[in-house]
Amino acid sequence: MKLVIINYGAGNIKSIQFAFNRLGVDAILSNNPVEILAADKIIFPGVGEASSAMKMLKESGLDTLIPTLKQPVLGICLGMQLMCKSTEEGNTKGLGIFQTDVKRFSTDLKVPQMGWNVIKNLKSPLFSGIKENEYMYLVHSYYAEHCNETIAATDYGINYASALQHENFYGVQFHPEKSGTEGAKILENFLKL
């Protein structure tokens, strides 16, 4: 299987690459459109700030390529948020794959939400074999609002979409690569989609 992790300068790609190595898959890090188009599966990662991440995507032309992909694509953390219509972070227009917006958590909360929290209302083969209220590891100050594409929810001051799916595009707010055996199971499920 050819798995490509899109390498556009935004954060946590090594830990994702190691997580797939543990599953016996060698992931290629690339921002080359030819390699991305030839992949069987694609990971769209992201850690950092939305407007600068979007600027890097635009500079490499990936902002127009990603929404046209036909193979399964998994956005992680900021990757998922950039797949939404917009985010309040840096007042950034997203890729518009998921029909929802990303908002900042209320100032009444400790922000960022950092640590373990549960995912529930699971609705996708991505979560095959994962129990309701399973703990996942999260680090974020912004959240995706619920929409018809919500496939998992989490509570943190507000109930928000912690996973989304539209056709071949999947997004998770949490970090499966840092979420132990259950996180690894989600990555394995993604490989089987």
C-alpha atoms as a PDB file:
ATOM      1  CA  MET A   1       0.000   0.000   0.000  1.00  0.00           C
ATOM      2  CA  LYS A   2       1.250   3.474  -0.867  1.00  0.00           C
ATOM      3  CA  LEU A   3       0.534   5.854   2.008  1.00  0.00           C
ATOM      4  CA  VAL A   4       1.503   9.520   1.693  1.00  0.00           C
ATOM      5  CA  ILE A   5       1.628  11.983   4.582  1.00  0.00           C
ATOM      6  CA  ILE A   6       1.310  15.455   3.078  1.00  0.00           C
ATOM      7  CA  ASN A   7       4.421  17.345   4.128  1.00  0.00           C
ATOM      8  CA  TYR A   8       3.697  21.070   3.865  1.00  0.00           C
ATOM      9  CA  GLY A   9       5.591  22.302   6.913  1.00  0.00           C
ATOM     10  CA  ALA A  10       2.854  21.972   9.551  1.00  0.00           C
ATOM     11  CA  GLY A  11       3.963  20.022  12.562  1.00  0.00           C
ATOM     12  CA  ASN A  12       3.514  16.486  13.807  1.00  0.00           C
ATOM     13  CA  ILE A  13       4.414  14.367  10.778  1.00  0.00           C
ATOM     14  CA  LYS A  14       7.195  12.272  12.324  1.00  0.00           C
ATOM     15  CA  SER A  15       4.971  10.917  15.110  1.00  0.00           C
ATOM     16  CA  ILE A  16       2.350   9.986  12.493  1.00  0.00           C
ATOM     17  CA  GLN A  17       5.000   8.296  10.339  1.00  0.00           C
ATOM     18  CA  PHE A  18       6.227   6.288  13.369  1.00  0.00           C
ATOM     19  CA  ALA A  19       2.640   5.280  14.234  1.00  0.00           C
ATOM     20  CA  PHE A  20       2.207   3.763  10.751  1.00  0.00           C
ATOM     21  CA  ASN A  21       5.660   2.115  10.969  1.00  0.00           C
ATOM     22  CA  ARG A  22       4.391   0.325  14.095  1.00  0.00           C
ATOM     23  CA  LEU A  23       1.476  -0.940  11.946  1.00  0.00           C
ATOM     24  CA  GLY A  24       3.951  -2.239   9.351  1.00  0.00           C
ATOM     25  CA  VAL A  25       3.343   0.517   6.772  1.00  0.00           C
ATOM     26  CA  ASP A  26       6.098   2.774   5.451  1.00  0.00           C
ATOM     27  CA  ALA A  27       4.517   6.181   4.921  1.00  0.00           C
ATOM     28  CA  ILE A  28       6.128   8.577   2.447  1.00  0.00           C
ATOM     29  CA  LEU A  29       6.411  12.262   3.421  1.00  0.00           C
ATOM     30  CA  SER A  30       5.713  14.357   0.331  1.00  0.00           C
ATOM     31  CA  ASN A  31       4.275  17.579  -1.047  1.00  0.00           C
ATOM     32  CA  ASN A  32       4.728  16.368  -4.630  1.00  0.00           C
ATOM     33  CA  PRO A  33       1.325  16.347  -6.426  1.00  0.00           C
ATOM     34  CA  VAL A  34       2.348  13.354  -8.597  1.00  0.00           C
ATOM     35  CA  GLU A  35       3.201  11.261  -5.508  1.00  0.00           C
ATOM     36  CA  ILE A  36       0.062  12.411  -3.687  1.00  0.00           C
ATOM     37  CA  LEU A  37      -2.189  11.539  -6.645  1.00  0.00           C
ATOM     38  CA  ALA A  38      -0.554   8.087  -6.941  1.00  0.00           C
ATOM     39  CA  ALA A  39      -1.119   7.239  -3.244  1.00  0.00           C
ATOM     40  CA  ASP A  40      -3.675   4.647  -2.091  1.00  0.00           C
ATOM     41  CA  LYS A  41      -4.304   6.559   1.138  1.00  0.00           C
ATOM     42  CA  ILE A  42      -3.402  10.089   2.256  1.00  0.00           C
ATOM     43  CA  ILE A  43      -2.860  11.679   5.657  1.00  0.00           C
ATOM     44  CA  PHE A  44      -3.340  15.452   5.879  1.00  0.00           C
ATOM     45  CA  PRO A  45      -1.698  16.412   9.187  1.00  0.00           C
ATOM     46  CA  GLY A  46      -1.407  19.736  10.917  1.00  0.00           C
ATOM     47  CA  VAL A  47      -0.093  21.326  14.051  1.00  0.00           C
ATOM     48  CA  GLY A  48       0.317  25.064  14.308  1.00  0.00           C
ATOM     49  CA  GLU A  49      -1.611  28.140  13.268  1.00  0.00           C
ATOM     50  CA  ALA A  50      -4.324  28.005  10.602  1.00  0.00           C
ATOM     51  CA  SER A  51      -3.539  31.096   8.488  1.00  0.00           C
ATOM     52  CA  SER A  52       0.180  30.289   8.148  1.00  0.00           C
ATOM     53  CA  ALA A  53      -0.621  26.615   7.404  1.00  0.00           C
ATOM     54  CA  MET A  54      -3.087  27.697   4.689  1.00  0.00           C
ATOM     55  CA  LYS A  55      -0.452  30.059   3.257  1.00  0.00           C
ATOM     56  CA  MET A  56       1.971  27.102   2.968  1.00  0.00           C
ATOM     57  CA  LEU A  57      -0.729  25.002   1.245  1.00  0.00           C
ATOM     58  CA  LYS A  58      -1.382  27.809  -1.259  1.00  0.00           C
ATOM     59  CA  GLU A  59       2.319  28.303  -1.988  1.00  0.00           C
ATOM     60  CA  SER A  60       2.623  24.634  -2.983  1.00  0.00           C
ATOM     61  CA  GLY A  61      -0.728  24.509  -4.855  1.00  0.00           C
ATOM     62  CA  LEU A  62      -1.991  21.861  -2.425  1.00  0.00           C
ATOM     63  CA  ASP A  63      -5.028  24.011  -1.532  1.00  0.00           C
ATOM     64  CA  THR A  64      -6.488  23.251  -4.991  1.00  0.00           C
ATOM     65  CA  LEU A  65      -5.229  19.642  -5.183  1.00  0.00           C
ATOM     66  CA  ILE A  66      -6.502  18.271  -1.839  1.00  0.00           C
ATOM     67  CA  PRO A  67     -10.261  18.866  -2.441  1.00  0.00           C
ATOM     68  CA  THR A  68     -10.035  16.956  -5.778  1.00  0.00           C
ATOM     69  CA  LEU A  69      -8.534  13.765  -4.294  1.00  0.00           C
ATOM     70  CA  LYS A  70     -10.537  10.567  -4.851  1.00  0.00           C
ATOM     71  CA  GLN A  71      -8.741   8.152  -2.494  1.00  0.00           C
ATOM     72  CA  PRO A  72      -9.376   8.062   1.296  1.00  0.00           C
ATOM     73  CA  VAL A  73      -7.908  11.158   2.986  1.00  0.00           C
ATOM     74  CA  LEU A  74      -7.578  11.544   6.776  1.00  0.00           C
ATOM     75  CA  GLY A  75      -7.129  15.034   8.195  1.00  0.00           C
ATOM     76  CA  ILE A  76      -5.684  15.144  11.721  1.00  0.00           C
ATOM     77  CA  CYS A  77      -6.095  18.078  14.164  1.00  0.00           C
ATOM     78  CA  LEU A  78      -5.397  21.303  12.214  1.00  0.00           C
ATOM     79  CA  GLY A  79      -5.585  19.198   9.028  1.00  0.00           C
ATOM     80  CA  MET A  80      -9.253  18.483   9.805  1.00  0.00           C
ATOM     81  CA  GLN A  81      -9.931  22.145  10.674  1.00  0.00           C
ATOM     82  CA  LEU A  82      -8.423  23.348   7.383  1.00  0.00           C
ATOM     83  CA  MET A  83     -10.808  20.987   5.549  1.00  0.00           C
ATOM     84  CA  CYS A  84     -13.766  22.989   6.958  1.00  0.00           C
ATOM     85  CA  LYS A  85     -15.293  26.112   5.347  1.00  0.00           C
ATOM     86  CA  SER A  86     -13.473  28.564   7.607  1.00  0.00           C
ATOM     87  CA  THR A  87     -11.757  28.959  10.951  1.00  0.00           C
ATOM     88  CA  GLU A  88     -11.763  31.889  13.360  1.00  0.00           C
ATOM     89  CA  GLU A  89      -8.032  31.277  13.851  1.00  0.00           C
ATOM     90  CA  GLY A  90      -6.397  34.012  11.794  1.00  0.00           C
ATOM     91  CA  ASN A  91      -9.832  34.536  10.149  1.00  0.00           C
ATOM     92  CA  THR A  92      -8.883  31.854   7.596  1.00  0.00           C
ATOM     93  CA  LYS A  93     -10.901  30.515   4.666  1.00  0.00           C
ATOM     94  CA  GLY A  94     -10.641  26.711   4.614  1.00  0.00           C
ATOM     95  CA  LEU A  95     -10.720  24.114   1.831  1.00  0.00           C
ATOM     96  CA  GLY A  96     -14.530  23.798   2.081  1.00  0.00           C
ATOM     97  CA  ILE A  97     -14.630  19.981   2.086  1.00  0.00           C
ATOM     98  CA  PHE A  98     -16.644  19.796   5.338  1.00  0.00           C
ATOM     99  CA  GLN A  99     -19.654  22.106   5.497  1.00  0.00           C
ATOM    100  CA  THR A 100     -18.970  23.563   8.907  1.00  0.00           C
ATOM    101  CA  ASP A 101     -16.955  26.336  10.544  1.00  0.00           C
ATOM    102  CA  VAL A 102     -14.256  26.233  13.198  1.00  0.00           C
ATOM    103  CA  LYS A 103     -14.732  28.438  16.298  1.00  0.00           C
ATOM    104  CA  ARG A 104     -12.557  29.352  19.261  1.00  0.00           C
ATOM    105  CA  PHE A 105     -13.371  27.784  22.639  1.00  0.00           C
ATOM    106  CA  SER A 106     -14.924  30.163  25.166  1.00  0.00           C
ATOM    107  CA  THR A 107     -12.521  32.152  27.335  1.00  0.00           C
ATOM    108  CA  ASP A 108     -14.252  30.584  30.371  1.00  0.00           C
ATOM    109  CA  LEU A 109     -12.411  27.353  29.584  1.00  0.00           C
ATOM    110  CA  LYS A 110      -8.768  26.400  29.993  1.00  0.00           C
ATOM    111  CA  VAL A 111      -7.497  26.793  26.432  1.00  0.00           C
ATOM    112  CA  PRO A 112      -6.041  24.882  24.723  1.00  0.00           C
ATOM    113  CA  GLN A 113      -7.899  21.736  25.691  1.00  0.00           C
ATOM    114  CA  MET A 114      -4.883  19.534  26.301  1.00  0.00           C
ATOM    115  CA  GLY A 115      -4.999  15.894  27.321  1.00  0.00           C
ATOM    116  CA  TRP A 116      -7.409  12.972  27.220  1.00  0.00           C
ATOM    117  CA  ASN A 117     -11.126  13.269  26.510  1.00  0.00           C
ATOM    118  CA  VAL A 118     -13.812  10.877  25.281  1.00  0.00           C
ATOM    119  CA  ILE A 119     -15.301  10.496  21.811  1.00  0.00           C
ATOM    120  CA  LYS A 120     -18.929   9.372  21.485  1.00  0.00           C
ATOM    121  CA  ASN A 121     -21.827   9.009  19.003  1.00  0.00           C
ATOM    122  CA  LEU A 122     -19.426   7.142  16.708  1.00  0.00           C
ATOM    123  CA  LYS A 123     -20.840   6.720  13.187  1.00  0.00           C
ATOM    124  CA  SER A 124     -18.289   5.409  10.714  1.00  0.00           C
ATOM    125  CA  PRO A 125     -16.242   2.332   9.733  1.00  0.00           C
ATOM    126  CA  LEU A 126     -13.309   4.518  10.857  1.00  0.00           C
ATOM    127  CA  PHE A 127     -14.385   3.608  14.413  1.00  0.00           C
ATOM    128  CA  SER A 128     -14.904  -0.117  13.822  1.00  0.00           C
ATOM    129  CA  GLY A 129     -14.047  -1.953  17.075  1.00  0.00           C
ATOM    130  CA  ILE A 130     -13.809   1.327  19.073  1.00  0.00           C
ATOM    131  CA  LYS A 131     -16.124   1.571  22.078  1.00  0.00           C
ATOM    132  CA  GLU A 132     -18.332   4.582  22.836  1.00  0.00           C
ATOM    133  CA  ASN A 133     -16.655   7.009  25.284  1.00  0.00           C
ATOM    134  CA  GLU A 134     -13.166   5.814  24.395  1.00  0.00           C
ATOM    135  CA  TYR A 135     -10.406   8.249  25.416  1.00  0.00           C
ATOM    136  CA  MET A 136      -8.349  10.054  22.759  1.00  0.00           C
ATOM    137  CA  TYR A 137      -5.551  12.597  23.101  1.00  0.00           C
ATOM    138  CA  LEU A 138      -6.370  16.209  22.124  1.00  0.00           C
ATOM    139  CA  VAL A 139      -4.509  19.526  21.968  1.00  0.00           C
ATOM    140  CA  HIS A 140      -6.542  22.390  20.459  1.00  0.00           C
ATOM    141  CA  SER A 141      -7.966  25.866  21.058  1.00  0.00           C
ATOM    142  CA  TYR A 142     -10.529  25.731  18.227  1.00  0.00           C
ATOM    143  CA  TYR A 143     -13.324  23.258  17.483  1.00  0.00           C
ATOM    144  CA  ALA A 144     -15.503  22.294  14.511  1.00  0.00           C
ATOM    145  CA  GLU A 145     -19.221  22.957  14.921  1.00  0.00           C
ATOM    146  CA  HIS A 146     -21.618  20.058  14.420  1.00  0.00           C
ATOM    147  CA  CYS A 147     -22.987  19.446  10.928  1.00  0.00           C
ATOM    148  CA  ASN A 148     -24.505  16.574   8.915  1.00  0.00           C
ATOM    149  CA  GLU A 149     -20.964  15.224   8.440  1.00  0.00           C
ATOM    150  CA  THR A 150     -20.249  14.739  12.179  1.00  0.00           C
ATOM    151  CA  ILE A 151     -19.159  11.138  12.886  1.00  0.00           C
ATOM    152  CA  ALA A 152     -17.974  11.617  16.509  1.00  0.00           C
ATOM    153  CA  ALA A 153     -18.613  14.145  19.268  1.00  0.00           C
ATOM    154  CA  THR A 154     -16.727  15.382  22.339  1.00  0.00           C
ATOM    155  CA  ASP A 155     -17.685  17.663  25.237  1.00  0.00           C
ATOM    156  CA  TYR A 156     -15.430  20.470  26.377  1.00  0.00           C
ATOM    157  CA  GLY A 157     -17.556  23.337  27.643  1.00  0.00           C
ATOM    158  CA  ILE A 158     -19.583  22.719  24.488  1.00  0.00           C
ATOM    159  CA  ASN A 159     -20.475  19.589  22.513  1.00  0.00           C
ATOM    160  CA  TYR A 160     -18.507  19.721  19.253  1.00  0.00           C
ATOM    161  CA  ALA A 161     -17.597  17.554  16.251  1.00  0.00           C
ATOM    162  CA  SER A 162     -14.418  15.616  17.082  1.00  0.00           C
ATOM    163  CA  ALA A 163     -14.591  13.719  13.758  1.00  0.00           C
ATOM    164  CA  LEU A 164     -16.110  14.466  10.353  1.00  0.00           C
ATOM    165  CA  GLN A 165     -16.647  12.570   7.112  1.00  0.00           C
ATOM    166  CA  HIS A 166     -17.648  13.676   3.613  1.00  0.00           C
ATOM    167  CA  GLU A 167     -17.406  10.992   0.925  1.00  0.00           C
ATOM    168  CA  ASN A 168     -13.714   9.870   0.865  1.00  0.00           C
ATOM    169  CA  PHE A 169     -12.616  12.626   3.277  1.00  0.00           C
ATOM    170  CA  TYR A 170     -12.294  11.933   7.004  1.00  0.00           C
ATOM    171  CA  GLY A 171     -11.139  14.278   9.735  1.00  0.00           C
ATOM    172  CA  VAL A 172     -10.335  13.770  13.405  1.00  0.00           C
ATOM    173  CA  GLN A 173      -9.677  16.544  15.911  1.00  0.00           C
ATOM    174  CA  PHE A 174      -7.780  14.196  18.228  1.00  0.00           C
ATOM    175  CA  HIS A 175      -4.348  12.680  17.599  1.00  0.00           C
ATOM    176  CA  PRO A 176      -4.762   8.945  16.876  1.00  0.00           C
ATOM    177  CA  GLU A 177      -0.962   8.646  16.646  1.00  0.00           C
ATOM    178  CA  LYS A 178      -0.729   9.697  20.327  1.00  0.00           C
ATOM    179  CA  SER A 179      -3.822   7.841  21.575  1.00  0.00           C
ATOM    180  CA  GLY A 180      -2.374   4.414  22.422  1.00  0.00           C
ATOM    181  CA  THR A 181      -3.820   1.146  21.147  1.00  0.00           C
ATOM    182  CA  GLU A 182      -7.264   2.613  20.391  1.00  0.00           C
ATOM    183  CA  GLY A 183      -5.714   5.403  18.313  1.00  0.00           C
ATOM    184  CA  ALA A 184      -3.616   2.827  16.453  1.00  0.00           C
ATOM    185  CA  LYS A 185      -6.830   0.861  15.776  1.00  0.00           C
ATOM    186  CA  ILE A 186      -8.374   3.962  14.128  1.00  0.00           C
ATOM    187  CA  LEU A 187      -5.296   4.335  11.891  1.00  0.00           C
ATOM    188  CA  GLU A 188      -5.554   0.630  11.040  1.00  0.00           C
ATOM    189  CA  ASN A 189      -9.260   1.073  10.219  1.00  0.00           C
ATOM    190  CA  PHE A 190      -8.336   3.985   7.921  1.00  0.00           C
ATOM    191  CA  LEU A 191      -5.881   1.733   6.052  1.00  0.00           C
ATOM    192  CA  LYS A 192      -8.730  -0.763   5.470  1.00  0.00           C
ATOM    193  CA  LEU A 193     -11.248   1.780   4.104  1.00  0.00           C
END
